[in-house]
Amino acid sequence: MKFVTKILYATILIFLLGGCAEKYSELYNLTPDEWYSQIISDIKDRDLESADKHYTSMSSEHVASPLLEQILLILSQAHANEEEYLLANFYLDEYIKRYGDNGPKTEFAQYLKIKANFDSFSQPNRNQKLMQDSINEIEKFLYIYPNTKYRPLIETMLTKFQLAIFYLDEQIADLYERTGRSKSAEIYKRKVEESPLNNAQLIKPQLPWYRKIFE
C-alpha cells in the first residue's frame, strides 16, 4: 500500500513539474510575497493547475521561505474543496515532511488527512478496504494524541466509518444469499451478528434510481 502511495505521489510530482511549461515561463525570480500573491490569485480564479505550477516554482526559488508553510496548507484545502483528495493529501504529506514537529503542527496535518479521506466517501457502500484503513488511521491518531482537541470530530468520523462498514457487510451477506453462495453469506452474517452495531437503528443511504438498478 505504501509503495503504491509513493508511486502515486511521484506521478503527481512529475505532473506538477512537467507539462505546459511555456504557459509559466514568463514568471520567474519573483519574491516570496509575489509568489504567494500569485498562488492565492490562482486559487481565487479556481485555476489549481496554475497554483500547483507556481508553488513548484516558488519552492524551488525560495526553499527557506516561511510562506511555504502557509501555502502548503492553503493548497491542500483548495484541492480538498474541489474534491481532489489525493492532491490534498500530497500537500499535507509535504507539510508534515517539511514542518512536522511531532506536536501541534503534525497533529493538525494528520487530522486534515483523516478529514480528507472521510470527505472522499461520496458513495456509502464502496471502498471497504479504504474505509477500514481510515478506521485504523483514526485509532492510531487517537492513540498518539489522546487529548487532541479534534477528538469529537474524529470520533464522529470513526462512528460513521464503522456504521458504513456494518451496512456494507449486511449488503454483501444479502448479495451472497441471493446468488446462492451460502458459505460466503454465512461468514458475513456472522460478522454482522457479532458486531457491536448489530442492534443499531441505521438510516440506510438513499441510492439514485440509476444505481438501484445495479444494486
C-alpha atoms as a PDB file:
ATOM      1  CA  MET A   1       0.000   0.000   0.000  1.00  0.00           C
ATOM      2  CA  LYS A   2       2.809   2.400   0.956  1.00  0.00           C
ATOM      3  CA  PHE A   3       4.655   1.544  -2.265  1.00  0.00           C
ATOM      4  CA  VAL A   4       1.558   2.292  -4.358  1.00  0.00           C
ATOM      5  CA  THR A   5       1.079   5.568  -2.483  1.00  0.00           C
ATOM      6  CA  LYS A   6       4.685   6.574  -3.181  1.00  0.00           C
ATOM      7  CA  ILE A   7       4.203   5.824  -6.874  1.00  0.00           C
ATOM      8  CA  LEU A   8       1.044   7.951  -6.954  1.00  0.00           C
ATOM      9  CA  TYR A   9       2.776  10.837  -5.204  1.00  0.00           C
ATOM     10  CA  ALA A  10       5.761  10.588  -7.543  1.00  0.00           C
ATOM     11  CA  THR A  11       3.393  10.722 -10.501  1.00  0.00           C
ATOM     12  CA  ILE A  12       1.729  13.808  -9.072  1.00  0.00           C
ATOM     13  CA  LEU A  13       5.092  15.492  -8.547  1.00  0.00           C
ATOM     14  CA  ILE A  14       6.145  14.746 -12.125  1.00  0.00           C
ATOM     15  CA  PHE A  15       2.837  16.171 -13.314  1.00  0.00           C
ATOM     16  CA  LEU A  16       3.395  19.326 -11.285  1.00  0.00           C
ATOM     17  CA  LEU A  17       6.925  19.761 -12.597  1.00  0.00           C
ATOM     18  CA  GLY A  18       6.240  18.927 -16.214  1.00  0.00           C
ATOM     19  CA  GLY A  19       3.828  19.948 -18.946  1.00  0.00           C
ATOM     20  CA  CYS A  20       2.535  23.326 -20.015  1.00  0.00           C
ATOM     21  CA  ALA A  21       5.866  24.896 -19.047  1.00  0.00           C
ATOM     22  CA  GLU A  22       5.549  27.544 -21.749  1.00  0.00           C
ATOM     23  CA  LYS A  23       2.470  28.934 -20.028  1.00  0.00           C
ATOM     24  CA  TYR A  24       4.510  29.726 -16.919  1.00  0.00           C
ATOM     25  CA  SER A  25       7.853  30.665 -18.457  1.00  0.00           C
ATOM     26  CA  GLU A  26       7.145  34.369 -18.033  1.00  0.00           C
ATOM     27  CA  LEU A  27       7.061  34.033 -14.242  1.00  0.00           C
ATOM     28  CA  TYR A  28      10.415  33.656 -12.548  1.00  0.00           C
ATOM     29  CA  ASN A  29      12.634  35.334  -9.973  1.00  0.00           C
ATOM     30  CA  LEU A  30       9.644  36.630  -8.041  1.00  0.00           C
ATOM     31  CA  THR A  31       9.901  37.478  -4.364  1.00  0.00           C
ATOM     32  CA  PRO A  32       8.223  35.097  -1.883  1.00  0.00           C
ATOM     33  CA  ASP A  33       5.453  37.658  -1.342  1.00  0.00           C
ATOM     34  CA  GLU A  34       4.871  37.937  -5.092  1.00  0.00           C
ATOM     35  CA  TRP A  35       4.704  34.161  -5.498  1.00  0.00           C
ATOM     36  CA  TYR A  36       2.350  33.953  -2.527  1.00  0.00           C
ATOM     37  CA  SER A  37       0.037  36.577  -4.048  1.00  0.00           C
ATOM     38  CA  GLN A  38       0.132  34.830  -7.421  1.00  0.00           C
ATOM     39  CA  ILE A  39      -0.820  31.457  -5.943  1.00  0.00           C
ATOM     40  CA  ILE A  40      -3.663  32.985  -3.920  1.00  0.00           C
ATOM     41  CA  SER A  41      -4.868  34.686  -7.105  1.00  0.00           C
ATOM     42  CA  ASP A  42      -4.765  31.344  -8.956  1.00  0.00           C
ATOM     43  CA  ILE A  43      -6.847  29.728  -6.229  1.00  0.00           C
ATOM     44  CA  LYS A  44      -9.390  32.533  -6.272  1.00  0.00           C
ATOM     45  CA  ASP A  45      -9.668  32.010 -10.048  1.00  0.00           C
ATOM     46  CA  ARG A  46     -10.111  28.257  -9.360  1.00  0.00           C
ATOM     47  CA  ASP A  47      -7.058  27.597 -11.525  1.00  0.00           C
ATOM     48  CA  LEU A  48      -5.429  24.997  -9.321  1.00  0.00           C
ATOM     49  CA  GLU A  49      -3.196  23.735 -12.106  1.00  0.00           C
ATOM     50  CA  SER A  50      -1.521  27.153 -12.243  1.00  0.00           C
ATOM     51  CA  ALA A  51      -1.396  27.301  -8.458  1.00  0.00           C
ATOM     52  CA  ASP A  52       0.407  23.942  -8.379  1.00  0.00           C
ATOM     53  CA  LYS A  53       2.908  25.071 -11.004  1.00  0.00           C
ATOM     54  CA  HIS A  54       3.554  28.349  -9.239  1.00  0.00           C
ATOM     55  CA  TYR A  55       4.051  26.567  -5.925  1.00  0.00           C
ATOM     56  CA  THR A  56       6.699  24.394  -7.578  1.00  0.00           C
ATOM     57  CA  SER A  57       8.490  27.492  -8.852  1.00  0.00           C
ATOM     58  CA  MET A  58       8.213  29.269  -5.501  1.00  0.00           C
ATOM     59  CA  SER A  59       9.554  26.294  -3.553  1.00  0.00           C
ATOM     60  CA  SER A  60      12.477  25.999  -5.986  1.00  0.00           C
ATOM     61  CA  GLU A  61      13.418  29.678  -5.806  1.00  0.00           C
ATOM     62  CA  HIS A  62      12.801  30.209  -2.090  1.00  0.00           C
ATOM     63  CA  VAL A  63      13.442  26.939  -0.274  1.00  0.00           C
ATOM     64  CA  ALA A  64      13.608  28.563   3.165  1.00  0.00           C
ATOM     65  CA  SER A  65      10.690  30.975   2.802  1.00  0.00           C
ATOM     66  CA  PRO A  66       8.348  30.823   5.825  1.00  0.00           C
ATOM     67  CA  LEU A  67       5.456  31.495   3.436  1.00  0.00           C
ATOM     68  CA  LEU A  68       5.789  27.963   2.038  1.00  0.00           C
ATOM     69  CA  GLU A  69       4.350  26.553   5.256  1.00  0.00           C
ATOM     70  CA  GLN A  70       1.122  28.512   4.818  1.00  0.00           C
ATOM     71  CA  ILE A  71       0.935  27.836   1.104  1.00  0.00           C
ATOM     72  CA  LEU A  72       1.090  24.058   1.581  1.00  0.00           C
ATOM     73  CA  LEU A  73      -1.929  24.121   3.887  1.00  0.00           C
ATOM     74  CA  ILE A  74      -3.786  26.542   1.614  1.00  0.00           C
ATOM     75  CA  LEU A  75      -3.182  24.369  -1.467  1.00  0.00           C
ATOM     76  CA  SER A  76      -4.252  21.260   0.415  1.00  0.00           C
ATOM     77  CA  GLN A  77      -7.535  22.875   1.413  1.00  0.00           C
ATOM     78  CA  ALA A  78      -8.074  24.260  -2.090  1.00  0.00           C
ATOM     79  CA  HIS A  79      -7.769  20.778  -3.612  1.00  0.00           C
ATOM     80  CA  ALA A  80      -9.987  19.285  -0.903  1.00  0.00           C
ATOM     81  CA  ASN A  81     -12.634  21.897  -1.715  1.00  0.00           C
ATOM     82  CA  GLU A  82     -12.522  20.692  -5.329  1.00  0.00           C
ATOM     83  CA  GLU A  83     -12.783  17.055  -4.141  1.00  0.00           C
ATOM     84  CA  GLU A  84      -9.226  16.365  -5.319  1.00  0.00           C
ATOM     85  CA  TYR A  85      -8.357  14.446  -2.176  1.00  0.00           C
ATOM     86  CA  LEU A  86      -5.232  12.702  -3.448  1.00  0.00           C
ATOM     87  CA  LEU A  87      -3.626  16.045  -4.208  1.00  0.00           C
ATOM     88  CA  ALA A  88      -4.863  17.434  -0.899  1.00  0.00           C
ATOM     89  CA  ASN A  89      -3.089  14.630   0.933  1.00  0.00           C
ATOM     90  CA  PHE A  90       0.006  15.098  -1.230  1.00  0.00           C
ATOM     91  CA  TYR A  91       0.389  18.651   0.064  1.00  0.00           C
ATOM     92  CA  LEU A  92      -0.321  17.562   3.637  1.00  0.00           C
ATOM     93  CA  ASP A  93       2.416  14.933   3.398  1.00  0.00           C
ATOM     94  CA  GLU A  94       4.766  17.614   2.081  1.00  0.00           C
ATOM     95  CA  TYR A  95       3.778  19.817   5.007  1.00  0.00           C
ATOM     96  CA  ILE A  96       4.491  17.062   7.538  1.00  0.00           C
ATOM     97  CA  LYS A  97       7.817  16.264   5.883  1.00  0.00           C
ATOM     98  CA  ARG A  98       8.939  19.918   5.907  1.00  0.00           C
ATOM     99  CA  TYR A  99       7.368  21.290   9.064  1.00  0.00           C
ATOM    100  CA  GLY A 100       6.234  18.319  11.132  1.00  0.00           C
ATOM    101  CA  ASP A 101       7.120  18.744  14.794  1.00  0.00           C
ATOM    102  CA  ASN A 102       5.553  15.601  16.291  1.00  0.00           C
ATOM    103  CA  GLY A 103       3.367  18.114  18.085  1.00  0.00           C
ATOM    104  CA  PRO A 104       0.552  20.534  17.178  1.00  0.00           C
ATOM    105  CA  LYS A 105       1.591  21.022  13.536  1.00  0.00           C
ATOM    106  CA  THR A 106       1.811  17.310  12.810  1.00  0.00           C
ATOM    107  CA  GLU A 107      -1.392  16.666  14.735  1.00  0.00           C
ATOM    108  CA  PHE A 108      -3.285  19.268  12.702  1.00  0.00           C
ATOM    109  CA  ALA A 109      -1.973  17.954   9.376  1.00  0.00           C
ATOM    110  CA  GLN A 110      -2.800  14.362  10.308  1.00  0.00           C
ATOM    111  CA  TYR A 111      -6.299  15.451  11.291  1.00  0.00           C
ATOM    112  CA  LEU A 112      -6.738  17.147   7.912  1.00  0.00           C
ATOM    113  CA  LYS A 113      -5.610  13.948   6.151  1.00  0.00           C
ATOM    114  CA  ILE A 114      -8.212  11.911   8.035  1.00  0.00           C
ATOM    115  CA  LYS A 115     -10.857  14.504   7.201  1.00  0.00           C
ATOM    116  CA  ALA A 116      -9.889  14.448   3.508  1.00  0.00           C
ATOM    117  CA  ASN A 117     -10.263  10.654   3.452  1.00  0.00           C
ATOM    118  CA  PHE A 118     -13.607  10.939   5.207  1.00  0.00           C
ATOM    119  CA  ASP A 119     -14.872  13.572   2.768  1.00  0.00           C
ATOM    120  CA  SER A 120     -13.831  11.411  -0.193  1.00  0.00           C
ATOM    121  CA  PHE A 121     -16.581   8.862   0.523  1.00  0.00           C
ATOM    122  CA  SER A 122     -19.375  10.238  -1.599  1.00  0.00           C
ATOM    123  CA  GLN A 123     -20.767   6.717  -2.120  1.00  0.00           C
ATOM    124  CA  PRO A 124     -21.743   4.968   1.116  1.00  0.00           C
ATOM    125  CA  ASN A 125     -21.180   1.371   0.070  1.00  0.00           C
ATOM    126  CA  ARG A 126     -17.876   1.444  -1.784  1.00  0.00           C
ATOM    127  CA  ASN A 127     -14.147   1.204  -0.905  1.00  0.00           C
ATOM    128  CA  GLN A 128     -14.427  -1.138   2.059  1.00  0.00           C
ATOM    129  CA  LYS A 129     -10.641  -1.515   2.377  1.00  0.00           C
ATOM    130  CA  LEU A 130     -10.120   2.248   2.332  1.00  0.00           C
ATOM    131  CA  MET A 131     -12.806   2.605   4.988  1.00  0.00           C
ATOM    132  CA  GLN A 132     -11.042   0.033   7.175  1.00  0.00           C
ATOM    133  CA  ASP A 133      -7.692   1.743   6.539  1.00  0.00           C
ATOM    134  CA  SER A 134      -9.277   5.036   7.590  1.00  0.00           C
ATOM    135  CA  ILE A 135     -10.571   3.438  10.809  1.00  0.00           C
ATOM    136  CA  ASN A 136      -7.059   2.178  11.525  1.00  0.00           C
ATOM    137  CA  GLU A 137      -5.628   5.659  10.911  1.00  0.00           C
ATOM    138  CA  ILE A 138      -8.191   7.229  13.250  1.00  0.00           C
ATOM    139  CA  GLU A 139      -7.477   4.713  16.001  1.00  0.00           C
ATOM    140  CA  LYS A 140      -3.743   5.330  15.572  1.00  0.00           C
ATOM    141  CA  PHE A 141      -4.327   9.087  15.705  1.00  0.00           C
ATOM    142  CA  LEU A 142      -6.348   8.821  18.923  1.00  0.00           C
ATOM    143  CA  TYR A 143      -3.650   6.614  20.444  1.00  0.00           C
ATOM    144  CA  ILE A 144      -0.887   9.113  19.609  1.00  0.00           C
ATOM    145  CA  TYR A 145      -2.953  12.179  20.540  1.00  0.00           C
ATOM    146  CA  PRO A 146      -5.290  11.014  23.356  1.00  0.00           C
ATOM    147  CA  ASN A 147      -6.020  14.595  24.452  1.00  0.00           C
ATOM    148  CA  THR A 148      -6.485  16.029  20.979  1.00  0.00           C
ATOM    149  CA  LYS A 149      -8.887  18.913  20.625  1.00  0.00           C
ATOM    150  CA  TYR A 150     -10.154  17.256  17.435  1.00  0.00           C
ATOM    151  CA  ARG A 151     -11.435  14.199  19.360  1.00  0.00           C
ATOM    152  CA  PRO A 152     -15.191  14.981  18.979  1.00  0.00           C
ATOM    153  CA  LEU A 153     -14.834  15.395  15.202  1.00  0.00           C
ATOM    154  CA  ILE A 154     -12.517  12.401  14.832  1.00  0.00           C
ATOM    155  CA  GLU A 155     -14.799  10.140  16.890  1.00  0.00           C
ATOM    156  CA  THR A 156     -17.792  11.196  14.789  1.00  0.00           C
ATOM    157  CA  MET A 157     -15.894  10.177  11.643  1.00  0.00           C
ATOM    158  CA  LEU A 158     -14.895   6.897  13.283  1.00  0.00           C
ATOM    159  CA  THR A 159     -18.505   6.078  14.151  1.00  0.00           C
ATOM    160  CA  LYS A 160     -19.671   6.852  10.634  1.00  0.00           C
ATOM    161  CA  PHE A 161     -16.942   4.676   9.106  1.00  0.00           C
ATOM    162  CA  GLN A 162     -17.911   1.819  11.446  1.00  0.00           C
ATOM    163  CA  LEU A 163     -21.584   2.194  10.543  1.00  0.00           C
ATOM    164  CA  ALA A 164     -20.706   2.251   6.836  1.00  0.00           C
ATOM    165  CA  ILE A 165     -18.725  -0.988   7.108  1.00  0.00           C
ATOM    166  CA  PHE A 166     -21.538  -2.605   9.089  1.00  0.00           C
ATOM    167  CA  TYR A 167     -24.055  -1.584   6.424  1.00  0.00           C
ATOM    168  CA  LEU A 168     -21.751  -2.879   3.687  1.00  0.00           C
ATOM    169  CA  ASP A 169     -21.337  -6.217   5.455  1.00  0.00           C
ATOM    170  CA  GLU A 170     -25.136  -6.518   5.562  1.00  0.00           C
ATOM    171  CA  GLN A 171     -25.351  -5.807   1.849  1.00  0.00           C
ATOM    172  CA  ILE A 172     -22.621  -8.332   0.999  1.00  0.00           C
ATOM    173  CA  ALA A 173     -24.317 -11.017   3.095  1.00  0.00           C
ATOM    174  CA  ASP A 174     -27.598 -10.319   1.316  1.00  0.00           C
ATOM    175  CA  LEU A 175     -25.909 -10.408  -2.093  1.00  0.00           C
ATOM    176  CA  TYR A 176     -24.245 -13.767  -1.397  1.00  0.00           C
ATOM    177  CA  GLU A 177     -27.555 -15.134  -0.120  1.00  0.00           C
ATOM    178  CA  ARG A 178     -29.389 -14.040  -3.267  1.00  0.00           C
ATOM    179  CA  THR A 179     -26.718 -15.516  -5.553  1.00  0.00           C
ATOM    180  CA  GLY A 180     -26.640 -18.892  -3.818  1.00  0.00           C
ATOM    181  CA  ARG A 181     -23.210 -18.527  -2.198  1.00  0.00           C
ATOM    182  CA  SER A 182     -24.362 -19.721   1.202  1.00  0.00           C
ATOM    183  CA  LYS A 183     -20.924 -20.290   2.779  1.00  0.00           C
ATOM    184  CA  SER A 184     -19.775 -16.768   1.960  1.00  0.00           C
ATOM    185  CA  ALA A 185     -23.124 -15.409   3.111  1.00  0.00           C
ATOM    186  CA  GLU A 186     -22.704 -17.146   6.487  1.00  0.00           C
ATOM    187  CA  ILE A 187     -19.286 -15.526   7.004  1.00  0.00           C
ATOM    188  CA  TYR A 188     -20.730 -12.044   6.548  1.00  0.00           C
ATOM    189  CA  LYS A 189     -23.861 -12.838   8.536  1.00  0.00           C
ATOM    190  CA  ARG A 190     -21.609 -13.859  11.421  1.00  0.00           C
ATOM    191  CA  LYS A 191     -19.697 -10.581  11.120  1.00  0.00           C
ATOM    192  CA  VAL A 192     -22.978  -8.677  11.285  1.00  0.00           C
ATOM    193  CA  GLU A 193     -24.258 -10.688  14.256  1.00  0.00           C
ATOM    194  CA  GLU A 194     -21.014 -10.246  16.203  1.00  0.00           C
ATOM    195  CA  SER A 195     -20.790  -6.528  15.501  1.00  0.00           C
ATOM    196  CA  PRO A 196     -21.499  -4.194  18.455  1.00  0.00           C
ATOM    197  CA  LEU A 197     -23.612  -2.216  15.978  1.00  0.00           C
ATOM    198  CA  ASN A 198     -25.922  -5.143  15.308  1.00  0.00           C
ATOM    199  CA  ASN A 199     -28.831  -3.563  17.176  1.00  0.00           C
ATOM    200  CA  ALA A 200     -28.193  -0.053  15.901  1.00  0.00           C
ATOM    201  CA  GLN A 201     -31.050   1.607  14.072  1.00  0.00           C
ATOM    202  CA  LEU A 202     -29.330   2.525  10.821  1.00  0.00           C
ATOM    203  CA  ILE A 203     -30.692   5.002   8.325  1.00  0.00           C
ATOM    204  CA  LYS A 204     -29.897   3.386   5.014  1.00  0.00           C
ATOM    205  CA  PRO A 205     -28.297   5.640   2.386  1.00  0.00           C
ATOM    206  CA  GLN A 206     -30.550   6.677  -0.467  1.00  0.00           C
ATOM    207  CA  LEU A 207     -29.296   5.497  -3.862  1.00  0.00           C
ATOM    208  CA  PRO A 208     -30.079   7.297  -7.133  1.00  0.00           C
ATOM    209  CA  TRP A 209     -32.582   5.418  -9.278  1.00  0.00           C
ATOM    210  CA  TYR A 210     -29.960   4.604 -11.937  1.00  0.00           C
ATOM    211  CA  ARG A 211     -27.757   2.917  -9.321  1.00  0.00           C
ATOM    212  CA  LYS A 212     -30.605   0.993  -7.706  1.00  0.00           C
ATOM    213  CA  ILE A 213     -30.933  -0.970 -10.956  1.00  0.00           C
ATOM    214  CA  PHE A 214     -27.480  -2.451 -10.456  1.00  0.00           C
ATOM    215  CA  GLU A 215     -27.590  -2.951  -6.665  1.00  0.00           C
END
